[in-house]
Amino acid sequence: MKIAEFVALDNIRDLRQRDIGKLIRIEGVVTKRTGVFSQLKKVSFVCNRCYEVKGPFFIHKGEEIKLGSCAVCQSKGPFSIDKKSTIYRNY
């Protein structure tokens, strides 16, 4: 499927939360970039093999989490985020 003659054209500064999940065409040149910051404050992970919860981990800005292996089944993943016990950062 090819999309041609896409009508909606926005400036990057006009993007808002309402545009999440929509297909948007943007034209422009990147003149400055910054790092991508985690929006998680406290996060727990679930092993997708044995369903053991790993965490909670408290995330500070610029910090990356290395999960290693599951303590129960020794699997190196995959892990998914436990949405019940995760807290998001308010920006």
N, C-alpha and C. Protein backbone atom coordinates (compact mmCIF):
# COMPACT_ATOMS: atom_id res chain seq x y z
N MET A 1 0.85 -1.18 0.00
CA MET A 1 0.00 0.00 0.00
C MET A 1 0.89 1.23 0.00
N LYS A 2 0.66 2.12 -0.91
CA LYS A 2 1.42 3.34 -1.02
C LYS A 2 0.51 4.52 -0.77
N ILE A 3 0.99 5.45 0.04
CA ILE A 3 0.21 6.65 0.34
C ILE A 3 0.74 7.77 -0.53
N ALA A 4 -0.13 8.35 -1.32
CA ALA A 4 0.26 9.45 -2.20
C ALA A 4 -0.68 10.62 -1.98
N GLU A 5 -0.18 11.81 -2.26
CA GLU A 5 -1.00 13.02 -2.12
C GLU A 5 -1.59 13.14 -0.71
N PHE A 6 -0.73 12.97 0.29
CA PHE A 6 -1.17 13.09 1.68
C PHE A 6 -1.49 14.55 1.96
N VAL A 7 -2.71 14.84 2.36
CA VAL A 7 -3.21 16.21 2.45
C VAL A 7 -2.70 16.95 3.68
N ALA A 8 -2.74 16.33 4.85
CA ALA A 8 -2.38 17.02 6.08
C ALA A 8 -0.88 17.26 6.15
N LEU A 9 -0.48 18.49 6.38
CA LEU A 9 0.92 18.87 6.50
C LEU A 9 1.04 19.83 7.68
N ASP A 10 1.82 19.44 8.68
CA ASP A 10 1.97 20.25 9.89
C ASP A 10 3.42 20.65 10.09
N ASN A 11 3.62 21.75 10.78
CA ASN A 11 4.95 22.10 11.25
C ASN A 11 5.24 21.28 12.48
N ILE A 12 6.50 20.95 12.70
CA ILE A 12 6.86 20.11 13.83
C ILE A 12 6.53 20.78 15.16
N ARG A 13 6.55 22.10 15.21
CA ARG A 13 6.23 22.83 16.45
C ARG A 13 4.74 22.79 16.77
N ASP A 14 3.91 22.42 15.79
CA ASP A 14 2.47 22.37 16.00
C ASP A 14 1.98 21.01 16.48
N LEU A 15 2.87 20.03 16.60
CA LEU A 15 2.46 18.70 17.04
C LEU A 15 2.08 18.73 18.51
N ARG A 16 1.02 18.05 18.85
CA ARG A 16 0.51 17.99 20.21
C ARG A 16 0.14 16.56 20.54
N GLN A 17 -0.34 16.35 21.76
CA GLN A 17 -0.73 15.02 22.21
C GLN A 17 -1.86 14.46 21.37
N ARG A 18 -2.68 15.30 20.83
CA ARG A 18 -3.80 14.84 20.00
C ARG A 18 -3.33 14.11 18.75
N ASP A 19 -2.09 14.32 18.36
CA ASP A 19 -1.55 13.72 17.15
C ASP A 19 -0.95 12.34 17.37
N ILE A 20 -0.89 11.87 18.62
CA ILE A 20 -0.33 10.55 18.90
C ILE A 20 -1.21 9.49 18.26
N GLY A 21 -0.59 8.56 17.56
CA GLY A 21 -1.32 7.47 16.92
C GLY A 21 -1.86 7.83 15.54
N LYS A 22 -1.56 9.01 15.04
CA LYS A 22 -2.02 9.43 13.72
C LYS A 22 -0.85 9.48 12.76
N LEU A 23 -1.13 9.30 11.49
CA LEU A 23 -0.12 9.42 10.45
C LEU A 23 0.00 10.89 10.08
N ILE A 24 1.19 11.43 10.24
CA ILE A 24 1.41 12.85 10.02
C ILE A 24 2.62 13.04 9.11
N ARG A 25 2.49 13.90 8.14
CA ARG A 25 3.61 14.22 7.26
C ARG A 25 4.23 15.52 7.75
N ILE A 26 5.56 15.50 7.90
CA ILE A 26 6.27 16.68 8.39
C ILE A 26 7.41 16.98 7.43
N GLU A 27 7.56 18.24 7.12
CA GLU A 27 8.69 18.69 6.33
C GLU A 27 9.54 19.61 7.18
N GLY A 28 10.84 19.55 7.01
CA GLY A 28 11.70 20.43 7.77
C GLY A 28 13.12 19.90 7.83
N VAL A 29 13.96 20.64 8.49
CA VAL A 29 15.36 20.29 8.66
C VAL A 29 15.67 20.25 10.15
N VAL A 30 16.35 19.20 10.59
CA VAL A 30 16.74 19.09 11.98
C VAL A 30 17.95 19.98 12.21
N THR A 31 17.82 20.93 13.14
CA THR A 31 18.93 21.84 13.42
C THR A 31 19.53 21.58 14.79
N LYS A 32 18.81 20.90 15.65
CA LYS A 32 19.30 20.62 16.99
C LYS A 32 18.63 19.35 17.47
N ARG A 33 19.36 18.55 18.21
CA ARG A 33 18.77 17.33 18.75
C ARG A 33 19.24 17.12 20.17
N THR A 34 18.42 16.42 20.95
CA THR A 34 18.76 16.10 22.33
C THR A 34 18.53 14.62 22.55
N GLY A 35 18.96 14.13 23.69
CA GLY A 35 18.75 12.74 24.02
C GLY A 35 17.30 12.43 24.28
N VAL A 36 16.96 11.16 24.21
CA VAL A 36 15.61 10.72 24.52
C VAL A 36 15.60 10.30 25.98
N PHE A 37 14.73 10.90 26.77
CA PHE A 37 14.68 10.65 28.19
C PHE A 37 13.54 9.70 28.53
N SER A 38 13.80 8.82 29.47
CA SER A 38 12.78 7.87 29.89
C SER A 38 11.64 8.60 30.58
N GLN A 39 10.43 8.15 30.32
CA GLN A 39 9.28 8.72 30.99
C GLN A 39 8.84 7.86 32.16
N LEU A 40 9.66 6.87 32.50
CA LEU A 40 9.35 6.00 33.61
C LEU A 40 10.06 6.46 34.87
N LYS A 41 9.37 6.39 35.99
CA LYS A 41 9.95 6.74 37.28
C LYS A 41 10.28 5.47 38.07
N LYS A 42 9.34 4.55 38.11
CA LYS A 42 9.52 3.25 38.75
C LYS A 42 8.95 2.21 37.81
N VAL A 43 9.71 1.16 37.54
CA VAL A 43 9.28 0.16 36.57
C VAL A 43 9.59 -1.25 37.09
N SER A 44 8.69 -2.16 36.79
CA SER A 44 8.90 -3.58 37.06
C SER A 44 8.72 -4.32 35.74
N PHE A 45 9.41 -5.44 35.61
CA PHE A 45 9.33 -6.24 34.41
C PHE A 45 8.80 -7.62 34.74
N VAL A 46 8.17 -8.27 33.77
CA VAL A 46 7.66 -9.63 33.92
C VAL A 46 8.38 -10.51 32.92
N CYS A 47 8.89 -11.65 33.39
CA CYS A 47 9.51 -12.63 32.51
C CYS A 47 8.40 -13.26 31.66
N ASN A 48 8.56 -13.26 30.35
CA ASN A 48 7.52 -13.80 29.47
C ASN A 48 7.50 -15.32 29.45
N ARG A 49 8.48 -15.97 30.07
CA ARG A 49 8.51 -17.44 30.11
C ARG A 49 7.88 -17.98 31.40
N CYS A 50 8.26 -17.44 32.56
CA CYS A 50 7.74 -17.99 33.82
C CYS A 50 6.85 -17.00 34.57
N TYR A 51 6.70 -15.78 34.06
CA TYR A 51 5.83 -14.73 34.62
C TYR A 51 6.27 -14.24 35.99
N GLU A 52 7.55 -14.39 36.31
CA GLU A 52 8.11 -13.85 37.55
C GLU A 52 8.29 -12.34 37.40
N VAL A 53 7.93 -11.58 38.42
CA VAL A 53 8.10 -10.12 38.39
C VAL A 53 9.51 -9.77 38.81
N LYS A 54 10.16 -8.92 38.05
CA LYS A 54 11.53 -8.50 38.34
C LYS A 54 11.50 -6.99 38.60
N GLY A 55 11.90 -6.59 39.79
CA GLY A 55 11.90 -5.17 40.13
C GLY A 55 11.15 -4.95 41.42
N PRO A 56 10.82 -3.75 41.79
CA PRO A 56 10.82 -2.52 40.99
C PRO A 56 12.21 -1.89 40.89
N PHE A 57 12.41 -1.19 39.77
CA PHE A 57 13.62 -0.41 39.53
C PHE A 57 13.23 1.05 39.52
N PHE A 58 13.99 1.88 40.20
CA PHE A 58 13.75 3.32 40.20
C PHE A 58 14.70 3.95 39.20
N ILE A 59 14.15 4.70 38.25
CA ILE A 59 14.94 5.23 37.15
C ILE A 59 15.22 6.71 37.39
N HIS A 60 16.48 7.06 37.30
CA HIS A 60 16.90 8.46 37.37
C HIS A 60 17.23 8.92 35.97
N LYS A 61 17.20 10.20 35.71
CA LYS A 61 17.42 10.72 34.36
C LYS A 61 18.75 10.25 33.80
N GLY A 62 18.72 9.79 32.56
CA GLY A 62 19.92 9.36 31.87
C GLY A 62 20.39 7.96 32.25
N GLU A 63 19.65 7.25 33.07
CA GLU A 63 20.04 5.93 33.53
C GLU A 63 19.40 4.85 32.66
N GLU A 64 20.14 3.78 32.41
CA GLU A 64 19.63 2.67 31.62
C GLU A 64 19.60 1.42 32.50
N ILE A 65 18.57 0.59 32.32
CA ILE A 65 18.43 -0.61 33.12
C ILE A 65 18.93 -1.81 32.33
N LYS A 66 19.81 -2.60 32.93
CA LYS A 66 20.28 -3.87 32.35
C LYS A 66 19.61 -4.99 33.15
N LEU A 67 18.78 -5.79 32.51
CA LEU A 67 18.00 -6.79 33.22
C LEU A 67 18.76 -8.08 33.51
N GLY A 68 19.66 -8.50 32.67
CA GLY A 68 20.35 -9.76 32.90
C GLY A 68 19.43 -10.93 32.68
N SER A 69 19.38 -11.88 33.62
CA SER A 69 18.54 -13.06 33.44
C SER A 69 17.52 -13.15 34.57
N CYS A 70 16.49 -13.94 34.35
CA CYS A 70 15.43 -14.16 35.32
C CYS A 70 15.98 -15.01 36.47
N ALA A 71 15.66 -14.65 37.70
CA ALA A 71 16.15 -15.38 38.87
C ALA A 71 15.49 -16.75 39.01
N VAL A 72 14.31 -16.94 38.45
CA VAL A 72 13.58 -18.20 38.60
C VAL A 72 13.94 -19.20 37.50
N CYS A 73 13.79 -18.79 36.23
CA CYS A 73 13.99 -19.74 35.12
C CYS A 73 15.32 -19.54 34.38
N GLN A 74 16.11 -18.56 34.79
CA GLN A 74 17.43 -18.26 34.20
C GLN A 74 17.35 -17.81 32.74
N SER A 75 16.16 -17.43 32.27
CA SER A 75 15.99 -16.94 30.91
C SER A 75 16.57 -15.54 30.78
N LYS A 76 17.14 -15.22 29.63
CA LYS A 76 17.66 -13.88 29.37
C LYS A 76 16.61 -13.01 28.68
N GLY A 77 15.40 -13.44 28.70
CA GLY A 77 14.32 -12.65 28.12
C GLY A 77 13.48 -13.52 27.21
N PRO A 78 12.48 -12.94 26.63
CA PRO A 78 12.10 -11.53 26.66
C PRO A 78 11.35 -11.15 27.95
N PHE A 79 11.44 -9.89 28.29
CA PHE A 79 10.75 -9.31 29.43
C PHE A 79 9.78 -8.25 28.93
N SER A 80 8.65 -8.11 29.60
CA SER A 80 7.72 -7.03 29.26
C SER A 80 7.49 -6.19 30.51
N ILE A 81 7.04 -4.97 30.31
CA ILE A 81 6.79 -4.05 31.43
C ILE A 81 5.52 -4.46 32.15
N ASP A 82 5.60 -4.54 33.47
CA ASP A 82 4.44 -4.81 34.31
C ASP A 82 3.70 -3.48 34.51
N LYS A 83 2.64 -3.28 33.77
CA LYS A 83 1.95 -1.99 33.76
C LYS A 83 1.26 -1.66 35.09
N LYS A 84 0.96 -2.67 35.89
CA LYS A 84 0.28 -2.44 37.17
C LYS A 84 1.18 -1.73 38.17
N SER A 85 2.47 -2.02 38.13
CA SER A 85 3.37 -1.46 39.15
C SER A 85 4.34 -0.43 38.59
N THR A 86 4.07 0.07 37.39
CA THR A 86 4.96 1.08 36.79
C THR A 86 4.38 2.47 37.00
N ILE A 87 5.27 3.39 37.37
CA ILE A 87 4.87 4.79 37.59
C ILE A 87 5.58 5.65 36.55
N TYR A 88 4.81 6.49 35.89
CA TYR A 88 5.35 7.36 34.84
C TYR A 88 5.70 8.72 35.41
N ARG A 89 6.73 9.32 34.85
CA ARG A 89 7.22 10.64 35.26
C ARG A 89 6.30 11.72 34.69
N ASN A 90 6.01 12.73 35.46
CA ASN A 90 5.20 13.86 34.99
C ASN A 90 6.12 14.97 34.50
N TYR A 91 6.01 15.31 33.23
CA TYR A 91 6.82 16.38 32.66
C TYR A 91 6.00 17.61 32.46
